[in-house]
Amino acid sequence: MLKAMNIINIHEAKTQLSRLVERAANGEPFIIAKAGKPLVKVSAASAPDSGQSARLGFLSGAFETPDDFNRMHADPIAELFYGDEP
């Protein structure tokens, strides 16, 4: 069973910032809320970022980039910016 993350009121977070930062640095992330509405999640800087790094390269090899990718449709785009002028 997953442990519920602590939700801290913004006023309490202001008054106990040092203690809360220490707890987050030790692996106890928490959420700061204002009027009961969650605003931000605080966690250690070294903590993994909610699976984002696991997605790096997930489409590797799934498609090929054309060699002229940076020049594709250059003429129609230039015409949109500059009109018919060369």
PDB file of N, CA and C in Angstrom:
ATOM      1  N   MET A   1       0.840  -1.187   0.000  1.00  0.00           N
ATOM      2  CA  MET A   1       0.000   0.000   0.000  1.00  0.00           C
ATOM      3  C   MET A   1       0.881   1.246   0.000  1.00  0.00           C
ATOM      4  N   LEU A   2       0.550   2.224  -0.865  1.00  0.00           N
ATOM      5  CA  LEU A   2       1.342   3.437  -0.952  1.00  0.00           C
ATOM      6  C   LEU A   2       1.046   4.365   0.215  1.00  0.00           C
ATOM      7  N   LYS A   3       2.097   4.985   0.702  1.00  0.00           N
ATOM      8  CA  LYS A   3       1.952   5.950   1.783  1.00  0.00           C
ATOM      9  C   LYS A   3       1.496   7.288   1.199  1.00  0.00           C
ATOM     10  N   ALA A   4       0.496   7.896   1.790  1.00  0.00           N
ATOM     11  CA  ALA A   4       0.013   9.195   1.316  1.00  0.00           C
ATOM     12  C   ALA A   4       1.075  10.262   1.562  1.00  0.00           C
ATOM     13  N   MET A   5       1.232  11.149   0.574  1.00  0.00           N
ATOM     14  CA  MET A   5       2.214  12.215   0.708  1.00  0.00           C
ATOM     15  C   MET A   5       1.666  13.286   1.649  1.00  0.00           C
ATOM     16  N   ASN A   6       2.540  13.836   2.485  1.00  0.00           N
ATOM     17  CA  ASN A   6       2.143  14.896   3.418  1.00  0.00           C
ATOM     18  C   ASN A   6       1.759  16.156   2.655  1.00  0.00           C
ATOM     19  N   ILE A   7       0.662  16.764   3.055  1.00  0.00           N
ATOM     20  CA  ILE A   7       0.237  18.039   2.489  1.00  0.00           C
ATOM     21  C   ILE A   7       0.389  19.082   3.584  1.00  0.00           C
ATOM     22  N   ILE A   8       1.178  20.105   3.293  1.00  0.00           N
ATOM     23  CA  ILE A   8       1.507  21.150   4.258  1.00  0.00           C
ATOM     24  C   ILE A   8       0.897  22.465   3.795  1.00  0.00           C
ATOM     25  N   ASN A   9       0.231  23.164   4.689  1.00  0.00           N
ATOM     26  CA  ASN A   9      -0.319  24.479   4.389  1.00  0.00           C
ATOM     27  C   ASN A   9       0.829  25.451   4.151  1.00  0.00           C
ATOM     28  N   ILE A  10       0.645  26.394   3.252  1.00  0.00           N
ATOM     29  CA  ILE A  10       1.719  27.326   2.890  1.00  0.00           C
ATOM     30  C   ILE A  10       2.210  28.124   4.094  1.00  0.00           C
ATOM     31  N   HIS A  11       1.331  28.490   5.001  1.00  0.00           N
ATOM     32  CA  HIS A  11       1.749  29.228   6.205  1.00  0.00           C
ATOM     33  C   HIS A  11       2.673  28.363   7.067  1.00  0.00           C
ATOM     34  N   GLU A  12       2.296  27.106   7.258  1.00  0.00           N
ATOM     35  CA  GLU A  12       3.136  26.188   8.031  1.00  0.00           C
ATOM     36  C   GLU A  12       4.477  25.981   7.328  1.00  0.00           C
ATOM     37  N   ALA A  13       4.455  25.889   6.013  1.00  0.00           N
ATOM     38  CA  ALA A  13       5.696  25.702   5.258  1.00  0.00           C
ATOM     39  C   ALA A  13       6.641  26.886   5.445  1.00  0.00           C
ATOM     40  N   LYS A  14       6.079  28.089   5.503  1.00  0.00           N
ATOM     41  CA  LYS A  14       6.906  29.284   5.723  1.00  0.00           C
ATOM     42  C   LYS A  14       7.567  29.252   7.099  1.00  0.00           C
ATOM     43  N   THR A  15       6.817  28.850   8.100  1.00  0.00           N
ATOM     44  CA  THR A  15       7.339  28.893   9.461  1.00  0.00           C
ATOM     45  C   THR A  15       8.267  27.724   9.777  1.00  0.00           C
ATOM     46  N   GLN A  16       8.154  26.619   9.026  1.00  0.00           N
ATOM     47  CA  GLN A  16       8.963  25.433   9.317  1.00  0.00           C
ATOM     48  C   GLN A  16       9.808  25.014   8.111  1.00  0.00           C
ATOM     49  N   LEU A  17      10.205  25.977   7.306  1.00  0.00           N
ATOM     50  CA  LEU A  17      10.899  25.683   6.064  1.00  0.00           C
ATOM     51  C   LEU A  17      12.153  24.834   6.251  1.00  0.00           C
ATOM     52  N   SER A  18      13.000  25.188   7.194  1.00  0.00           N
ATOM     53  CA  SER A  18      14.248  24.444   7.398  1.00  0.00           C
ATOM     54  C   SER A  18      13.984  22.971   7.694  1.00  0.00           C
ATOM     55  N   ARG A  19      13.042  22.725   8.602  1.00  0.00           N
ATOM     56  CA  ARG A  19      12.721  21.341   8.966  1.00  0.00           C
ATOM     57  C   ARG A  19      12.144  20.582   7.772  1.00  0.00           C
ATOM     58  N   LEU A  20      11.263  21.230   7.014  1.00  0.00           N
ATOM     59  CA  LEU A  20      10.643  20.579   5.866  1.00  0.00           C
ATOM     60  C   LEU A  20      11.645  20.294   4.750  1.00  0.00           C
ATOM     61  N   VAL A  21      12.564  21.226   4.513  1.00  0.00           N
ATOM     62  CA  VAL A  21      13.600  21.012   3.501  1.00  0.00           C
ATOM     63  C   VAL A  21      14.484  19.840   3.896  1.00  0.00           C
ATOM     64  N   GLU A  22      14.828  19.756   5.153  1.00  0.00           N
ATOM     65  CA  GLU A  22      15.645  18.638   5.642  1.00  0.00           C
ATOM     66  C   GLU A  22      14.923  17.304   5.418  1.00  0.00           C
ATOM     67  N   ARG A  23      13.634  17.268   5.713  1.00  0.00           N
ATOM     68  CA  ARG A  23      12.858  16.044   5.514  1.00  0.00           C
ATOM     69  C   ARG A  23      12.810  15.665   4.036  1.00  0.00           C
ATOM     70  N   ALA A  24      12.590  16.653   3.165  1.00  0.00           N
ATOM     71  CA  ALA A  24      12.549  16.380   1.724  1.00  0.00           C
ATOM     72  C   ALA A  24      13.904  15.871   1.241  1.00  0.00           C
ATOM     73  N   ALA A  25      14.989  16.467   1.734  1.00  0.00           N
ATOM     74  CA  ALA A  25      16.330  16.032   1.358  1.00  0.00           C
ATOM     75  C   ALA A  25      16.605  14.602   1.802  1.00  0.00           C
ATOM     76  N   ASN A  26      15.926  14.161   2.854  1.00  0.00           N
ATOM     77  CA  ASN A  26      16.083  12.794   3.358  1.00  0.00           C
ATOM     78  C   ASN A  26      15.092  11.822   2.720  1.00  0.00           C
ATOM     79  N   GLY A  27      14.452  12.238   1.635  1.00  0.00           N
ATOM     80  CA  GLY A  27      13.581  11.336   0.909  1.00  0.00           C
ATOM     81  C   GLY A  27      12.120  11.359   1.294  1.00  0.00           C
ATOM     82  N   GLU A  28      11.677  12.398   2.002  1.00  0.00           N
ATOM     83  CA  GLU A  28      10.264  12.524   2.377  1.00  0.00           C
ATOM     84  C   GLU A  28       9.649  13.710   1.632  1.00  0.00           C
ATOM     85  N   PRO A  29       9.253  13.530   0.380  1.00  0.00           N
ATOM     86  CA  PRO A  29       8.662  14.652  -0.356  1.00  0.00           C
ATOM     87  C   PRO A  29       7.321  15.065   0.258  1.00  0.00           C
ATOM     88  N   PHE A  30       6.923  16.296   0.000  1.00  0.00           N
ATOM     89  CA  PHE A  30       5.647  16.785   0.514  1.00  0.00           C
ATOM     90  C   PHE A  30       5.052  17.768  -0.477  1.00  0.00           C
ATOM     91  N   ILE A  31       3.791  18.089  -0.276  1.00  0.00           N
ATOM     92  CA  ILE A  31       3.076  19.026  -1.136  1.00  0.00           C
ATOM     93  C   ILE A  31       2.716  20.258  -0.326  1.00  0.00           C
ATOM     94  N   ILE A  32       2.943  21.429  -0.909  1.00  0.00           N
ATOM     95  CA  ILE A  32       2.537  22.679  -0.270  1.00  0.00           C
ATOM     96  C   ILE A  32       1.198  23.082  -0.893  1.00  0.00           C
ATOM     97  N   ALA A  33       0.232  23.367  -0.011  1.00  0.00           N
ATOM     98  CA  ALA A  33      -1.113  23.729  -0.459  1.00  0.00           C
ATOM     99  C   ALA A  33      -1.510  25.090   0.078  1.00  0.00           C
ATOM    100  N   LYS A  34      -2.406  25.742  -0.643  1.00  0.00           N
ATOM    101  CA  LYS A  34      -2.958  27.021  -0.200  1.00  0.00           C
ATOM    102  C   LYS A  34      -4.473  26.859  -0.197  1.00  0.00           C
ATOM    103  N   ALA A  35      -5.078  27.084   0.943  1.00  0.00           N
ATOM    104  CA  ALA A  35      -6.527  26.903   1.112  1.00  0.00           C
ATOM    105  C   ALA A  35      -6.956  25.505   0.687  1.00  0.00           C
ATOM    106  N   GLY A  36      -6.093  24.525   0.995  1.00  0.00           N
ATOM    107  CA  GLY A  36      -6.412  23.135   0.689  1.00  0.00           C
ATOM    108  C   GLY A  36      -6.150  22.721  -0.746  1.00  0.00           C
ATOM    109  N   LYS A  37      -5.755  23.654  -1.610  1.00  0.00           N
ATOM    110  CA  LYS A  37      -5.490  23.346  -3.017  1.00  0.00           C
ATOM    111  C   LYS A  37      -3.983  23.117  -3.197  1.00  0.00           C
ATOM    112  N   PRO A  38      -3.576  21.916  -3.646  1.00  0.00           N
ATOM    113  CA  PRO A  38      -2.147  21.635  -3.848  1.00  0.00           C
ATOM    114  C   PRO A  38      -1.534  22.597  -4.858  1.00  0.00           C
ATOM    115  N   LEU A  39      -0.359  23.146  -4.491  1.00  0.00           N
ATOM    116  CA  LEU A  39       0.333  24.090  -5.375  1.00  0.00           C
ATOM    117  C   LEU A  39       1.609  23.508  -5.955  1.00  0.00           C
ATOM    118  N   VAL A  40       2.478  22.971  -5.082  1.00  0.00           N
ATOM    119  CA  VAL A  40       3.767  22.455  -5.542  1.00  0.00           C
ATOM    120  C   VAL A  40       4.143  21.197  -4.770  1.00  0.00           C
ATOM    121  N   LYS A  41       4.978  20.386  -5.409  1.00  0.00           N
ATOM    122  CA  LYS A  41       5.540  19.212  -4.753  1.00  0.00           C
ATOM    123  C   LYS A  41       7.005  19.517  -4.479  1.00  0.00           C
ATOM    124  N   VAL A  42       7.441  19.269  -3.261  1.00  0.00           N
ATOM    125  CA  VAL A  42       8.828  19.500  -2.877  1.00  0.00           C
ATOM    126  C   VAL A  42       9.477  18.151  -2.636  1.00  0.00           C
ATOM    127  N   SER A  43      10.589  17.909  -3.322  1.00  0.00           N
ATOM    128  CA  SER A  43      11.331  16.663  -3.138  1.00  0.00           C
ATOM    129  C   SER A  43      12.815  16.939  -3.286  1.00  0.00           C
ATOM    130  N   ALA A  44      13.627  15.981  -2.907  1.00  0.00           N
ATOM    131  CA  ALA A  44      15.079  16.142  -2.988  1.00  0.00           C
ATOM    132  C   ALA A  44      15.498  16.345  -4.441  1.00  0.00           C
ATOM    133  N   ALA A  45      16.499  17.186  -4.641  1.00  0.00           N
ATOM    134  CA  ALA A  45      16.985  17.455  -5.996  1.00  0.00           C
ATOM    135  C   ALA A  45      17.528  16.197  -6.655  1.00  0.00           C
ATOM    136  N   SER A  46      18.016  15.268  -5.877  1.00  0.00           N
ATOM    137  CA  SER A  46      18.576  14.039  -6.431  1.00  0.00           C
ATOM    138  C   SER A  46      17.516  12.984  -6.684  1.00  0.00           C
ATOM    139  N   ALA A  47      16.265  13.260  -6.297  1.00  0.00           N
ATOM    140  CA  ALA A  47      15.187  12.290  -6.487  1.00  0.00           C
ATOM    141  C   ALA A  47      14.826  12.202  -7.965  1.00  0.00           C
ATOM    142  N   PRO A  48      14.469  11.016  -8.450  1.00  0.00           N
ATOM    143  CA  PRO A  48      14.052  10.892  -9.848  1.00  0.00           C
ATOM    144  C   PRO A  48      12.815  11.752 -10.105  1.00  0.00           C
ATOM    145  N   ASP A  49      12.741  12.321 -11.284  1.00  0.00           N
ATOM    146  CA  ASP A  49      11.659  13.249 -11.627  1.00  0.00           C
ATOM    147  C   ASP A  49      10.476  12.501 -12.220  1.00  0.00           C
ATOM    148  N   SER A  50       9.696  11.859 -11.402  1.00  0.00           N
ATOM    149  CA  SER A  50       8.441  11.179 -11.747  1.00  0.00           C
ATOM    150  C   SER A  50       8.478  10.410 -13.060  1.00  0.00           C
ATOM    151  N   GLY A  51       9.563   9.670 -13.300  1.00  0.00           N
ATOM    152  CA  GLY A  51       9.620   8.799 -14.463  1.00  0.00           C
ATOM    153  C   GLY A  51      10.003   9.477 -15.758  1.00  0.00           C
ATOM    154  N   GLN A  52      10.267  10.764 -15.746  1.00  0.00           N
ATOM    155  CA  GLN A  52      10.606  11.441 -16.991  1.00  0.00           C
ATOM    156  C   GLN A  52      11.880  10.882 -17.615  1.00  0.00           C
ATOM    157  N   SER A  53      12.892  10.584 -16.816  1.00  0.00           N
ATOM    158  CA  SER A  53      14.143  10.078 -17.379  1.00  0.00           C
ATOM    159  C   SER A  53      13.962   8.701 -17.998  1.00  0.00           C
ATOM    160  N   ALA A  54      12.982   7.941 -17.540  1.00  0.00           N
ATOM    161  CA  ALA A  54      12.735   6.621 -18.102  1.00  0.00           C
ATOM    162  C   ALA A  54      12.215   6.735 -19.531  1.00  0.00           C
ATOM    163  N   ARG A  55      11.661   7.869 -19.916  1.00  0.00           N
ATOM    164  CA  ARG A  55      11.103   8.034 -21.251  1.00  0.00           C
ATOM    165  C   ARG A  55      12.151   8.479 -22.266  1.00  0.00           C
ATOM    166  N   LEU A  56      13.323   8.857 -21.836  1.00  0.00           N
ATOM    167  CA  LEU A  56      14.360   9.326 -22.733  1.00  0.00           C
ATOM    168  C   LEU A  56      14.705   8.244 -23.747  1.00  0.00           C
ATOM    169  N   GLY A  57      14.566   8.556 -25.015  1.00  0.00           N
ATOM    170  CA  GLY A  57      14.906   7.609 -26.071  1.00  0.00           C
ATOM    171  C   GLY A  57      13.859   6.544 -26.330  1.00  0.00           C
ATOM    172  N   PHE A  58      12.642   6.714 -25.835  1.00  0.00           N
ATOM    173  CA  PHE A  58      11.644   5.660 -25.979  1.00  0.00           C
ATOM    174  C   PHE A  58      11.218   5.438 -27.431  1.00  0.00           C
ATOM    175  N   LEU A  59      11.459   6.392 -28.321  1.00  0.00           N
ATOM    176  CA  LEU A  59      11.145   6.214 -29.738  1.00  0.00           C
ATOM    177  C   LEU A  59      12.394   5.957 -30.585  1.00  0.00           C
ATOM    178  N   SER A  60      13.495   5.681 -29.937  1.00  0.00           N
ATOM    179  CA  SER A  60      14.745   5.458 -30.650  1.00  0.00           C
ATOM    180  C   SER A  60      14.573   4.366 -31.702  1.00  0.00           C
ATOM    181  N   GLY A  61      14.908   4.709 -32.959  1.00  0.00           N
ATOM    182  CA  GLY A  61      14.813   3.750 -34.058  1.00  0.00           C
ATOM    183  C   GLY A  61      13.422   3.591 -34.638  1.00  0.00           C
ATOM    184  N   ALA A  62      12.432   4.282 -34.111  1.00  0.00           N
ATOM    185  CA  ALA A  62      11.059   4.128 -34.584  1.00  0.00           C
ATOM    186  C   ALA A  62      10.811   4.857 -35.907  1.00  0.00           C
ATOM    187  N   PHE A  63      11.612   5.881 -36.210  1.00  0.00           N
ATOM    188  CA  PHE A  63      11.456   6.607 -37.469  1.00  0.00           C
ATOM    189  C   PHE A  63      12.790   7.207 -37.853  1.00  0.00           C
ATOM    190  N   GLU A  64      12.871   7.630 -39.119  1.00  0.00           N
ATOM    191  CA  GLU A  64      14.103   8.236 -39.618  1.00  0.00           C
ATOM    192  C   GLU A  64      13.857   9.701 -39.942  1.00  0.00           C
ATOM    193  N   THR A  65      14.838  10.536 -39.663  1.00  0.00           N
ATOM    194  CA  THR A  65      14.762  11.952 -39.983  1.00  0.00           C
ATOM    195  C   THR A  65      15.389  12.157 -41.357  1.00  0.00           C
ATOM    196  N   PRO A  66      14.679  12.793 -42.286  1.00  0.00           N
ATOM    197  CA  PRO A  66      15.240  13.020 -43.616  1.00  0.00           C
ATOM    198  C   PRO A  66      16.506  13.869 -43.536  1.00  0.00           C
ATOM    199  N   ASP A  67      17.427  13.641 -44.475  1.00  0.00           N
ATOM    200  CA  ASP A  67      18.685  14.400 -44.499  1.00  0.00           C
ATOM    201  C   ASP A  67      18.446  15.900 -44.695  1.00  0.00           C
ATOM    202  N   ASP A  68      17.382  16.252 -45.428  1.00  0.00           N
ATOM    203  CA  ASP A  68      17.106  17.662 -45.692  1.00  0.00           C
ATOM    204  C   ASP A  68      16.095  18.251 -44.705  1.00  0.00           C
ATOM    205  N   PHE A  69      15.987  17.676 -43.521  1.00  0.00           N
ATOM    206  CA  PHE A  69      14.995  18.096 -42.540  1.00  0.00           C
ATOM    207  C   PHE A  69      15.050  19.597 -42.267  1.00  0.00           C
ATOM    208  N   ASN A  70      16.247  20.156 -42.113  1.00  0.00           N
ATOM    209  CA  ASN A  70      16.385  21.582 -41.786  1.00  0.00           C
ATOM    210  C   ASN A  70      16.040  22.490 -42.958  1.00  0.00           C
ATOM    211  N   ARG A  71      15.963  21.922 -44.178  1.00  0.00           N
ATOM    212  CA  ARG A  71      15.652  22.738 -45.353  1.00  0.00           C
ATOM    213  C   ARG A  71      14.281  22.430 -45.927  1.00  0.00           C
ATOM    214  N   MET A  72      13.559  21.486 -45.339  1.00  0.00           N
ATOM    215  CA  MET A  72      12.247  21.107 -45.866  1.00  0.00           C
ATOM    216  C   MET A  72      11.313  22.313 -45.878  1.00  0.00           C
ATOM    217  N   HIS A  73      10.654  22.501 -47.017  1.00  0.00           N
ATOM    218  CA  HIS A  73       9.654  23.564 -47.185  1.00  0.00           C
ATOM    219  C   HIS A  73      10.227  24.964 -46.986  1.00  0.00           C
ATOM    220  N   ALA A  74      11.525  25.129 -47.208  1.00  0.00           N
ATOM    221  CA  ALA A  74      12.166  26.433 -47.010  1.00  0.00           C
ATOM    222  C   ALA A  74      11.604  27.479 -47.968  1.00  0.00           C
ATOM    223  N   ASP A  75      11.364  27.107 -49.243  1.00  0.00           N
ATOM    224  CA  ASP A  75      10.878  28.086 -50.219  1.00  0.00           C
ATOM    225  C   ASP A  75       9.474  28.593 -49.876  1.00  0.00           C
ATOM    226  N   PRO A  76       8.506  27.719 -49.585  1.00  0.00           N
ATOM    227  CA  PRO A  76       7.179  28.240 -49.216  1.00  0.00           C
ATOM    228  C   PRO A  76       7.207  29.085 -47.941  1.00  0.00           C
ATOM    229  N   ILE A  77       8.055  28.726 -46.997  1.00  0.00           N
ATOM    230  CA  ILE A  77       8.154  29.500 -45.744  1.00  0.00           C
ATOM    231  C   ILE A  77       8.747  30.873 -46.031  1.00  0.00           C
ATOM    232  N   ALA A  78       9.808  30.908 -46.856  1.00  0.00           N
ATOM    233  CA  ALA A  78      10.428  32.183 -47.208  1.00  0.00           C
ATOM    234  C   ALA A  78       9.422  33.056 -47.960  1.00  0.00           C
ATOM    235  N   GLU A  79       8.619  32.459 -48.813  1.00  0.00           N
ATOM    236  CA  GLU A  79       7.612  33.234 -49.544  1.00  0.00           C
ATOM    237  C   GLU A  79       6.570  33.824 -48.608  1.00  0.00           C
ATOM    238  N   LEU A  80       6.212  33.089 -47.549  1.00  0.00           N
ATOM    239  CA  LEU A  80       5.265  33.606 -46.578  1.00  0.00           C
ATOM    240  C   LEU A  80       5.835  34.818 -45.845  1.00  0.00           C
ATOM    241  N   PHE A  81       7.151  34.796 -45.580  1.00  0.00           N
ATOM    242  CA  PHE A  81       7.782  35.909 -44.855  1.00  0.00           C
ATOM    243  C   PHE A  81       8.098  37.089 -45.767  1.00  0.00           C
ATOM    244  N   TYR A  82       8.614  36.781 -46.967  1.00  0.00           N
ATOM    245  CA  TYR A  82       9.153  37.841 -47.810  1.00  0.00           C
ATOM    246  C   TYR A  82       8.331  38.102 -49.063  1.00  0.00           C
ATOM    247  N   GLY A  83       7.290  37.341 -49.320  1.00  0.00           N
ATOM    248  CA  GLY A  83       6.492  37.506 -50.525  1.00  0.00           C
ATOM    249  C   GLY A  83       7.201  36.899 -51.727  1.00  0.00           C
ATOM    250  N   ASP A  84       6.966  37.464 -52.894  1.00  0.00           N
ATOM    251  CA  ASP A  84       7.539  36.919 -54.128  1.00  0.00           C
ATOM    252  C   ASP A  84       8.955  37.390 -54.372  1.00  0.00           C
ATOM    253  N   GLU A  85       9.481  38.254 -53.530  1.00  0.00           N
ATOM    254  CA  GLU A  85      10.842  38.783 -53.736  1.00  0.00           C
ATOM    255  C   GLU A  85      11.863  37.662 -53.555  1.00  0.00           C
ATOM    256  N   PRO A  86      12.932  37.680 -54.379  1.00  0.00           N
ATOM    257  CA  PRO A  86      13.970  36.635 -54.235  1.00  0.00           C
ATOM    258  C   PRO A  86      14.845  36.825 -53.021  1.00  0.00           C
TER     259      PRO A  86
END
